[in-house]
Amino acid sequence: MADSFHGVITFAFMVSMILVGTILRARIAILQPALIPASLLGGIIGFTLISLDLSLGFTNEDFVAFAFHFFTLSFMSLVLTGREPGGADRSIQPGGLWMSIGWTMSLVLQALAGLMVIVLYNEATGGELSEFLGILVTHGFTQGPGQAIAMGSIWQADFQIEGAIRFGLIYASLGFVVSFLVGVPAARYAIRHGLNENTAARLTREFVLGTHDVETRPSSGSQVTHSANVDSLVFHISILGVAYLLTHHYLLLMQSVTE
């Protein structure tokens, strides 16, 4: 059983960093105007500890699998949410269409820009970096470290593109830098001057601190199952598990068909 503790303690270390990030966001005023999420603050602290060899023996490789799978689970959770009963029955097609067009154009432009940078670098220095490392920017800069690790690990293992994971994480880091130096100030300016479409959006004290006051804490939702039978959180995790299993075996089936 001793061997099984490594993964569990790795997970415990990872979520402990999120707790540290939550406390830092709520207590340190200089971090609040940038609206830096607790997960990112915790990641920075964890990265620093690993770099200084103060991370209880953990290395960055210990967290790759967690980032890969939790990224997938987070997106699955989005599509498993339901519509509130009695909500306005407005069509989401126009907004979804424009979002899809904008997203696709953004990814294509990023891929072309990244490809051009790698090609020019190889021409100028005589290097032999894979052009795919430039295209990988679409999965890191916009979609974050989870997608960068997911795609980078696949490209590195299956297509022998050396350094794909490292390049993906660099792109993701640059994406965070741009979002906080450009995106957050632009969003704050729009909200303060009433330029945002969602007029209900406000930079409240709770929003800036990242935690709710005791008197105004919202309800976390309705219980689906009786606690005497199964905990509601466990029930929702089981739904994710079923969806994960079905998706995994469907992909295995499609892979066997195409081979």
C-alpha atoms as a PDB file:
ATOM      1  CA  MET A   1       0.000   0.000   0.000  1.00  0.00           C
ATOM      2  CA  ALA A   2       2.943   2.321   0.475  1.00  0.00           C
ATOM      3  CA  ASP A   3       3.259   2.819  -3.285  1.00  0.00           C
ATOM      4  CA  SER A   4      -0.319   4.097  -3.513  1.00  0.00           C
ATOM      5  CA  PHE A   5       0.389   7.088  -1.283  1.00  0.00           C
ATOM      6  CA  HIS A   6       2.469   8.966  -3.843  1.00  0.00           C
ATOM      7  CA  GLY A   7      -0.459   9.854  -6.097  1.00  0.00           C
ATOM      8  CA  VAL A   8      -2.711  10.733  -3.169  1.00  0.00           C
ATOM      9  CA  ILE A   9      -0.105  12.961  -1.518  1.00  0.00           C
ATOM     10  CA  THR A  10       0.627  14.583  -4.883  1.00  0.00           C
ATOM     11  CA  PHE A  11      -3.057  15.449  -5.196  1.00  0.00           C
ATOM     12  CA  ALA A  12      -3.096  16.726  -1.598  1.00  0.00           C
ATOM     13  CA  PHE A  13      -0.093  18.957  -2.291  1.00  0.00           C
ATOM     14  CA  MET A  14      -1.758  20.323  -5.421  1.00  0.00           C
ATOM     15  CA  VAL A  15      -5.054  21.254  -3.749  1.00  0.00           C
ATOM     16  CA  SER A  16      -3.149  22.659  -0.760  1.00  0.00           C
ATOM     17  CA  MET A  17      -1.596  25.180  -3.121  1.00  0.00           C
ATOM     18  CA  ILE A  18      -5.106  26.222  -4.205  1.00  0.00           C
ATOM     19  CA  LEU A  19      -5.965  26.850  -0.552  1.00  0.00           C
ATOM     20  CA  VAL A  20      -2.826  28.966  -0.216  1.00  0.00           C
ATOM     21  CA  GLY A  21      -3.835  30.897  -3.334  1.00  0.00           C
ATOM     22  CA  THR A  22      -7.322  31.533  -1.939  1.00  0.00           C
ATOM     23  CA  ILE A  23      -5.885  32.946   1.285  1.00  0.00           C
ATOM     24  CA  LEU A  24      -3.377  35.132  -0.571  1.00  0.00           C
ATOM     25  CA  ARG A  25      -6.080  36.556  -2.860  1.00  0.00           C
ATOM     26  CA  ALA A  26      -8.302  37.403   0.111  1.00  0.00           C
ATOM     27  CA  ARG A  27      -5.552  38.847   2.333  1.00  0.00           C
ATOM     28  CA  ILE A  28      -3.062  40.618   0.061  1.00  0.00           C
ATOM     29  CA  ALA A  29      -4.540  43.764  -1.465  1.00  0.00           C
ATOM     30  CA  ILE A  30      -1.972  44.097  -4.246  1.00  0.00           C
ATOM     31  CA  LEU A  31      -3.187  40.833  -5.813  1.00  0.00           C
ATOM     32  CA  GLN A  32      -6.846  41.817  -5.894  1.00  0.00           C
ATOM     33  CA  PRO A  33      -6.959  44.507  -8.636  1.00  0.00           C
ATOM     34  CA  ALA A  34      -5.488  42.026 -11.144  1.00  0.00           C
ATOM     35  CA  LEU A  35      -8.251  39.501 -10.278  1.00  0.00           C
ATOM     36  CA  ILE A  36      -5.720  36.659 -10.316  1.00  0.00           C
ATOM     37  CA  PRO A  37      -7.543  33.347  -9.657  1.00  0.00           C
ATOM     38  CA  ALA A  38      -6.591  31.330  -6.583  1.00  0.00           C
ATOM     39  CA  SER A  39      -5.632  28.374  -8.763  1.00  0.00           C
ATOM     40  CA  LEU A  40      -3.073  30.476 -10.631  1.00  0.00           C
ATOM     41  CA  LEU A  41      -1.665  31.955  -7.423  1.00  0.00           C
ATOM     42  CA  GLY A  42      -1.386  28.462  -5.987  1.00  0.00           C
ATOM     43  CA  GLY A  43       0.296  27.286  -9.165  1.00  0.00           C
ATOM     44  CA  ILE A  44       2.870  30.062  -8.937  1.00  0.00           C
ATOM     45  CA  ILE A  45       3.611  29.166  -5.309  1.00  0.00           C
ATOM     46  CA  GLY A  46       3.866  25.479  -6.200  1.00  0.00           C
ATOM     47  CA  PHE A  47       6.130  26.224  -9.155  1.00  0.00           C
ATOM     48  CA  THR A  48       8.387  28.297  -6.911  1.00  0.00           C
ATOM     49  CA  LEU A  49       8.580  25.547  -4.302  1.00  0.00           C
ATOM     50  CA  ILE A  50       9.421  22.945  -6.950  1.00  0.00           C
ATOM     51  CA  SER A  51      12.090  25.201  -8.476  1.00  0.00           C
ATOM     52  CA  LEU A  52      13.671  25.719  -5.041  1.00  0.00           C
ATOM     53  CA  ASP A  53      13.448  21.997  -4.244  1.00  0.00           C
ATOM     54  CA  LEU A  54      11.108  22.723  -1.316  1.00  0.00           C
ATOM     55  CA  SER A  55       8.140  20.741  -2.646  1.00  0.00           C
ATOM     56  CA  LEU A  56       8.439  17.628  -0.444  1.00  0.00           C
ATOM     57  CA  GLY A  57      10.230  15.786  -3.230  1.00  0.00           C
ATOM     58  CA  PHE A  58       7.619  16.380  -5.953  1.00  0.00           C
ATOM     59  CA  THR A  59       8.631  17.355  -9.491  1.00  0.00           C
ATOM     60  CA  ASN A  60       6.658  18.917 -12.319  1.00  0.00           C
ATOM     61  CA  GLU A  61       6.229  15.496 -13.931  1.00  0.00           C
ATOM     62  CA  ASP A  62       4.144  14.340 -10.966  1.00  0.00           C
ATOM     63  CA  PHE A  63       1.378  16.792 -11.878  1.00  0.00           C
ATOM     64  CA  VAL A  64       1.149  16.208 -15.641  1.00  0.00           C
ATOM     65  CA  ALA A  65      -1.424  13.418 -15.364  1.00  0.00           C
ATOM     66  CA  PHE A  66      -3.614  15.455 -12.995  1.00  0.00           C
ATOM     67  CA  ALA A  67      -3.573  18.478 -15.314  1.00  0.00           C
ATOM     68  CA  PHE A  68      -4.359  16.273 -18.319  1.00  0.00           C
ATOM     69  CA  HIS A  69      -7.409  14.547 -16.825  1.00  0.00           C
ATOM     70  CA  PHE A  70      -8.826  17.379 -14.714  1.00  0.00           C
ATOM     71  CA  PHE A  71      -8.781  19.643 -17.765  1.00  0.00           C
ATOM     72  CA  THR A  72     -10.952  17.119 -19.601  1.00  0.00           C
ATOM     73  CA  LEU A  73     -13.261  16.659 -16.610  1.00  0.00           C
ATOM     74  CA  SER A  74     -13.731  20.411 -16.243  1.00  0.00           C
ATOM     75  CA  PHE A  75     -15.010  20.709 -19.807  1.00  0.00           C
ATOM     76  CA  MET A  76     -17.261  17.682 -19.352  1.00  0.00           C
ATOM     77  CA  SER A  77     -18.759  19.345 -16.279  1.00  0.00           C
ATOM     78  CA  LEU A  78     -19.711  22.375 -18.365  1.00  0.00           C
ATOM     79  CA  VAL A  79     -21.822  20.392 -20.820  1.00  0.00           C
ATOM     80  CA  LEU A  80     -23.484  18.364 -18.046  1.00  0.00           C
ATOM     81  CA  THR A  81     -25.019  21.449 -16.437  1.00  0.00           C
ATOM     82  CA  GLY A  82     -28.711  22.078 -16.959  1.00  0.00           C
ATOM     83  CA  ARG A  83     -30.849  25.139 -17.624  1.00  0.00           C
ATOM     84  CA  GLU A  84     -32.537  26.764 -14.661  1.00  0.00           C
ATOM     85  CA  PRO A  85     -36.288  26.042 -14.570  1.00  0.00           C
ATOM     86  CA  GLY A  86     -38.386  29.050 -15.462  1.00  0.00           C
ATOM     87  CA  GLY A  87     -35.457  30.822 -17.079  1.00  0.00           C
ATOM     88  CA  ALA A  88     -35.879  32.936 -20.164  1.00  0.00           C
ATOM     89  CA  ASP A  89     -36.177  30.733 -23.237  1.00  0.00           C
ATOM     90  CA  ARG A  90     -33.878  32.777 -25.423  1.00  0.00           C
ATOM     91  CA  SER A  91     -32.075  31.293 -28.377  1.00  0.00           C
ATOM     92  CA  ILE A  92     -28.340  30.891 -27.873  1.00  0.00           C
ATOM     93  CA  GLN A  93     -27.638  30.229 -31.539  1.00  0.00           C
ATOM     94  CA  PRO A  94     -26.665  33.804 -32.559  1.00  0.00           C
ATOM     95  CA  GLY A  95     -24.261  34.214 -29.652  1.00  0.00           C
ATOM     96  CA  GLY A  96     -22.879  30.720 -30.097  1.00  0.00           C
ATOM     97  CA  LEU A  97     -22.378  31.320 -33.808  1.00  0.00           C
ATOM     98  CA  TRP A  98     -20.422  34.534 -33.313  1.00  0.00           C
ATOM     99  CA  MET A  99     -18.396  32.973 -30.519  1.00  0.00           C
ATOM    100  CA  SER A 100     -17.521  30.009 -32.755  1.00  0.00           C
ATOM    101  CA  ILE A 101     -16.496  32.306 -35.610  1.00  0.00           C
ATOM    102  CA  GLY A 102     -14.380  34.515 -33.356  1.00  0.00           C
ATOM    103  CA  TRP A 103     -12.801  31.525 -31.608  1.00  0.00           C
ATOM    104  CA  THR A 104     -11.942  29.794 -34.891  1.00  0.00           C
ATOM    105  CA  MET A 105     -10.459  32.942 -36.405  1.00  0.00           C
ATOM    106  CA  SER A 106      -8.388  33.519 -33.264  1.00  0.00           C
ATOM    107  CA  LEU A 107      -6.995  29.977 -33.287  1.00  0.00           C
ATOM    108  CA  VAL A 108      -6.142  30.088 -36.991  1.00  0.00           C
ATOM    109  CA  LEU A 109      -4.379  33.450 -36.672  1.00  0.00           C
ATOM    110  CA  GLN A 110      -2.417  32.210 -33.658  1.00  0.00           C
ATOM    111  CA  ALA A 111      -1.372  29.055 -35.520  1.00  0.00           C
ATOM    112  CA  LEU A 112      -0.206  31.054 -38.535  1.00  0.00           C
ATOM    113  CA  ALA A 113       1.677  33.535 -36.343  1.00  0.00           C
ATOM    114  CA  GLY A 114       3.338  30.758 -34.337  1.00  0.00           C
ATOM    115  CA  LEU A 115       4.266  28.855 -37.494  1.00  0.00           C
ATOM    116  CA  MET A 116       5.782  31.990 -39.019  1.00  0.00           C
ATOM    117  CA  VAL A 117       7.852  32.691 -35.897  1.00  0.00           C
ATOM    118  CA  ILE A 118       9.324  29.169 -35.850  1.00  0.00           C
ATOM    119  CA  VAL A 119      10.065  29.240 -39.594  1.00  0.00           C
ATOM    120  CA  LEU A 120      11.785  32.632 -39.327  1.00  0.00           C
ATOM    121  CA  TYR A 121      13.730  31.478 -36.260  1.00  0.00           C
ATOM    122  CA  ASN A 122      14.999  28.382 -38.066  1.00  0.00           C
ATOM    123  CA  GLU A 123      15.963  30.455 -41.107  1.00  0.00           C
ATOM    124  CA  ALA A 124      17.809  33.047 -39.015  1.00  0.00           C
ATOM    125  CA  THR A 125      19.642  30.669 -36.687  1.00  0.00           C
ATOM    126  CA  GLY A 126      19.888  27.484 -38.702  1.00  0.00           C
ATOM    127  CA  GLY A 127      17.893  25.704 -36.026  1.00  0.00           C
ATOM    128  CA  GLU A 128      15.762  22.641 -36.551  1.00  0.00           C
ATOM    129  CA  LEU A 129      12.782  23.307 -34.315  1.00  0.00           C
ATOM    130  CA  SER A 130       9.653  21.506 -35.436  1.00  0.00           C
ATOM    131  CA  GLU A 131       7.116  23.777 -37.118  1.00  0.00           C
ATOM    132  CA  PHE A 132       4.449  22.029 -35.064  1.00  0.00           C
ATOM    133  CA  LEU A 133       5.858  23.773 -31.986  1.00  0.00           C
ATOM    134  CA  GLY A 134       4.657  27.036 -33.504  1.00  0.00           C
ATOM    135  CA  ILE A 135       1.192  25.655 -34.239  1.00  0.00           C
ATOM    136  CA  LEU A 136       0.964  24.440 -30.632  1.00  0.00           C
ATOM    137  CA  VAL A 137       0.480  28.050 -29.542  1.00  0.00           C
ATOM    138  CA  THR A 138      -3.249  27.652 -30.321  1.00  0.00           C
ATOM    139  CA  HIS A 139      -3.572  25.146 -27.477  1.00  0.00           C
ATOM    140  CA  GLY A 140      -1.485  27.049 -24.937  1.00  0.00           C
ATOM    141  CA  PHE A 141      -1.902  30.784 -25.384  1.00  0.00           C
ATOM    142  CA  THR A 142      -5.709  30.792 -25.511  1.00  0.00           C
ATOM    143  CA  GLN A 143      -6.736  27.516 -23.900  1.00  0.00           C
ATOM    144  CA  GLY A 144      -4.325  27.421 -20.972  1.00  0.00           C
ATOM    145  CA  PRO A 145      -1.892  24.946 -19.402  1.00  0.00           C
ATOM    146  CA  GLY A 146      -4.372  22.054 -19.220  1.00  0.00           C
ATOM    147  CA  GLN A 147      -4.876  21.938 -22.969  1.00  0.00           C
ATOM    148  CA  ALA A 148      -1.191  22.672 -23.555  1.00  0.00           C
ATOM    149  CA  ILE A 149      -0.169  19.657 -21.475  1.00  0.00           C
ATOM    150  CA  ALA A 150      -2.884  17.455 -22.987  1.00  0.00           C
ATOM    151  CA  MET A 151      -1.956  18.180 -26.592  1.00  0.00           C
ATOM    152  CA  GLY A 152       1.752  18.606 -25.933  1.00  0.00           C
ATOM    153  CA  SER A 153       2.044  15.210 -24.243  1.00  0.00           C
ATOM    154  CA  ILE A 154       0.239  13.527 -27.149  1.00  0.00           C
ATOM    155  CA  TRP A 155       2.391  15.242 -29.765  1.00  0.00           C
ATOM    156  CA  GLN A 156       5.560  14.499 -27.828  1.00  0.00           C
ATOM    157  CA  ALA A 157       4.769  10.826 -27.188  1.00  0.00           C
ATOM    158  CA  ASP A 158       3.034   9.824 -30.426  1.00  0.00           C
ATOM    159  CA  PHE A 159       4.660  12.120 -32.991  1.00  0.00           C
ATOM    160  CA  GLN A 160       8.121  12.552 -31.406  1.00  0.00           C
ATOM    161  CA  ILE A 161       7.910  16.353 -31.332  1.00  0.00           C
ATOM    162  CA  GLU A 162      10.573  17.135 -28.749  1.00  0.00           C
ATOM    163  CA  GLY A 163       9.799  19.828 -26.190  1.00  0.00           C
ATOM    164  CA  ALA A 164       6.080  20.020 -27.019  1.00  0.00           C
ATOM    165  CA  ILE A 165       5.000  20.041 -23.370  1.00  0.00           C
ATOM    166  CA  ARG A 166       7.582  22.674 -22.432  1.00  0.00           C
ATOM    167  CA  PHE A 167       6.648  24.919 -25.357  1.00  0.00           C
ATOM    168  CA  GLY A 168       2.943  24.510 -24.600  1.00  0.00           C
ATOM    169  CA  LEU A 169       3.425  25.619 -21.008  1.00  0.00           C
ATOM    170  CA  ILE A 170       5.478  28.618 -22.130  1.00  0.00           C
ATOM    171  CA  TYR A 171       2.654  29.656 -24.453  1.00  0.00           C
ATOM    172  CA  ALA A 172       0.130  29.207 -21.642  1.00  0.00           C
ATOM    173  CA  SER A 173       2.244  31.371 -19.338  1.00  0.00           C
ATOM    174  CA  LEU A 174       2.389  34.104 -21.972  1.00  0.00           C
ATOM    175  CA  GLY A 175      -1.382  33.861 -22.328  1.00  0.00           C
ATOM    176  CA  PHE A 176      -1.815  34.499 -18.613  1.00  0.00           C
ATOM    177  CA  VAL A 177       0.572  37.450 -18.752  1.00  0.00           C
ATOM    178  CA  VAL A 178      -1.355  39.053 -21.620  1.00  0.00           C
ATOM    179  CA  SER A 179      -4.712  38.386 -19.964  1.00  0.00           C
ATOM    180  CA  PHE A 180      -3.676  40.106 -16.734  1.00  0.00           C
ATOM    181  CA  LEU A 181      -1.731  42.985 -18.283  1.00  0.00           C
ATOM    182  CA  VAL A 182      -4.191  43.680 -21.112  1.00  0.00           C
ATOM    183  CA  GLY A 183      -7.425  41.738 -20.667  1.00  0.00           C
ATOM    184  CA  VAL A 184      -8.199  42.496 -17.016  1.00  0.00           C
ATOM    185  CA  PRO A 185      -7.558  46.272 -17.294  1.00  0.00           C
ATOM    186  CA  ALA A 186      -9.698  46.374 -20.454  1.00  0.00           C
ATOM    187  CA  ALA A 187     -12.533  44.509 -18.714  1.00  0.00           C
ATOM    188  CA  ARG A 188     -12.364  46.770 -15.658  1.00  0.00           C
ATOM    189  CA  TYR A 189     -12.466  49.851 -17.891  1.00  0.00           C
ATOM    190  CA  ALA A 190     -15.496  48.512 -19.765  1.00  0.00           C
ATOM    191  CA  ILE A 191     -17.397  47.724 -16.558  1.00  0.00           C
ATOM    192  CA  ARG A 192     -16.627  51.094 -14.961  1.00  0.00           C
ATOM    193  CA  HIS A 193     -17.795  52.984 -18.049  1.00  0.00           C
ATOM    194  CA  GLY A 194     -20.865  50.821 -18.696  1.00  0.00           C
ATOM    195  CA  LEU A 195     -19.575  49.433 -21.988  1.00  0.00           C
ATOM    196  CA  ASN A 196     -20.231  45.784 -21.118  1.00  0.00           C
ATOM    197  CA  GLU A 197     -23.266  43.975 -22.562  1.00  0.00           C
ATOM    198  CA  ASN A 198     -23.868  42.170 -19.261  1.00  0.00           C
ATOM    199  CA  THR A 199     -25.032  45.153 -17.231  1.00  0.00           C
ATOM    200  CA  ALA A 200     -25.378  42.988 -14.111  1.00  0.00           C
ATOM    201  CA  ALA A 201     -21.596  42.587 -13.928  1.00  0.00           C
ATOM    202  CA  ARG A 202     -20.117  44.620 -11.086  1.00  0.00           C
ATOM    203  CA  LEU A 203     -16.691  44.777  -9.455  1.00  0.00           C
ATOM    204  CA  THR A 204     -18.057  44.168  -5.979  1.00  0.00           C
ATOM    205  CA  ARG A 205     -15.944  43.751  -2.863  1.00  0.00           C
ATOM    206  CA  GLU A 206     -16.632  40.006  -2.822  1.00  0.00           C
ATOM    207  CA  PHE A 207     -15.675  39.694  -6.484  1.00  0.00           C
ATOM    208  CA  VAL A 208     -12.352  41.425  -5.871  1.00  0.00           C
ATOM    209  CA  LEU A 209     -11.551  39.484  -2.684  1.00  0.00           C
ATOM    210  CA  GLY A 210     -12.536  36.183  -4.242  1.00  0.00           C
ATOM    211  CA  THR A 211     -14.558  35.076  -1.188  1.00  0.00           C
ATOM    212  CA  HIS A 212     -18.145  35.715  -0.069  1.00  0.00           C
ATOM    213  CA  ASP A 213     -19.073  37.459   3.160  1.00  0.00           C
ATOM    214  CA  VAL A 214     -20.690  35.238   5.789  1.00  0.00           C
ATOM    215  CA  GLU A 215     -24.010  37.101   5.583  1.00  0.00           C
ATOM    216  CA  THR A 216     -24.283  36.937   1.790  1.00  0.00           C
ATOM    217  CA  ARG A 217     -22.932  33.496   0.972  1.00  0.00           C
ATOM    218  CA  PRO A 218     -25.074  32.004  -1.820  1.00  0.00           C
ATOM    219  CA  SER A 219     -26.543  28.524  -1.683  1.00  0.00           C
ATOM    220  CA  SER A 220     -24.426  25.906  -3.418  1.00  0.00           C
ATOM    221  CA  GLY A 221     -27.468  24.314  -5.051  1.00  0.00           C
ATOM    222  CA  SER A 222     -30.063  21.641  -4.426  1.00  0.00           C
ATOM    223  CA  GLN A 223     -29.333  18.144  -3.190  1.00  0.00           C
ATOM    224  CA  VAL A 224     -30.172  15.440  -5.728  1.00  0.00           C
ATOM    225  CA  THR A 225     -29.797  12.337  -3.592  1.00  0.00           C
ATOM    226  CA  HIS A 226     -30.574  11.601   0.043  1.00  0.00           C
ATOM    227  CA  SER A 227     -27.486  11.578   2.245  1.00  0.00           C
ATOM    228  CA  ALA A 228     -28.605   8.287   3.798  1.00  0.00           C
ATOM    229  CA  ASN A 229     -28.188   6.708   0.380  1.00  0.00           C
ATOM    230  CA  VAL A 230     -25.319   8.514  -1.354  1.00  0.00           C
ATOM    231  CA  ASP A 231     -23.752  11.943  -1.042  1.00  0.00           C
ATOM    232  CA  SER A 232     -24.895  14.331  -3.778  1.00  0.00           C
ATOM    233  CA  LEU A 233     -21.318  15.279  -4.690  1.00  0.00           C
ATOM    234  CA  VAL A 234     -20.418  11.604  -5.102  1.00  0.00           C
ATOM    235  CA  PHE A 235     -23.488  11.161  -7.311  1.00  0.00           C
ATOM    236  CA  HIS A 236     -22.351  13.969  -9.612  1.00  0.00           C
ATOM    237  CA  ILE A 237     -18.814  12.579  -9.712  1.00  0.00           C
ATOM    238  CA  SER A 238     -20.269   9.203 -10.704  1.00  0.00           C
ATOM    239  CA  ILE A 239     -22.034  10.843 -13.662  1.00  0.00           C
ATOM    240  CA  LEU A 240     -18.712  12.317 -14.755  1.00  0.00           C
ATOM    241  CA  GLY A 241     -17.125   8.891 -14.360  1.00  0.00           C
ATOM    242  CA  VAL A 242     -19.713   7.233 -16.601  1.00  0.00           C
ATOM    243  CA  ALA A 243     -19.284   9.942 -19.234  1.00  0.00           C
ATOM    244  CA  TYR A 244     -15.503   9.562 -19.023  1.00  0.00           C
ATOM    245  CA  LEU A 245     -15.695   5.781 -19.466  1.00  0.00           C
ATOM    246  CA  LEU A 246     -18.075   6.036 -22.421  1.00  0.00           C
ATOM    247  CA  THR A 247     -15.907   8.658 -24.117  1.00  0.00           C
ATOM    248  CA  HIS A 248     -12.717   6.674 -23.535  1.00  0.00           C
ATOM    249  CA  HIS A 249     -14.075   3.431 -24.973  1.00  0.00           C
ATOM    250  CA  TYR A 250     -15.733   5.256 -27.874  1.00  0.00           C
ATOM    251  CA  LEU A 251     -12.364   6.750 -28.803  1.00  0.00           C
ATOM    252  CA  LEU A 252     -10.726   3.325 -28.502  1.00  0.00           C
ATOM    253  CA  LEU A 253     -13.381   1.914 -30.842  1.00  0.00           C
ATOM    254  CA  MET A 254     -12.877   4.701 -33.375  1.00  0.00           C
ATOM    255  CA  GLN A 255      -9.116   4.221 -33.191  1.00  0.00           C
ATOM    256  CA  SER A 256      -9.451   0.494 -33.928  1.00  0.00           C
ATOM    257  CA  VAL A 257     -11.741   1.226 -36.879  1.00  0.00           C
ATOM    258  CA  THR A 258      -9.390   3.740 -38.480  1.00  0.00           C
ATOM    259  CA  GLU A 259      -6.243   1.639 -38.073  1.00  0.00           C
END
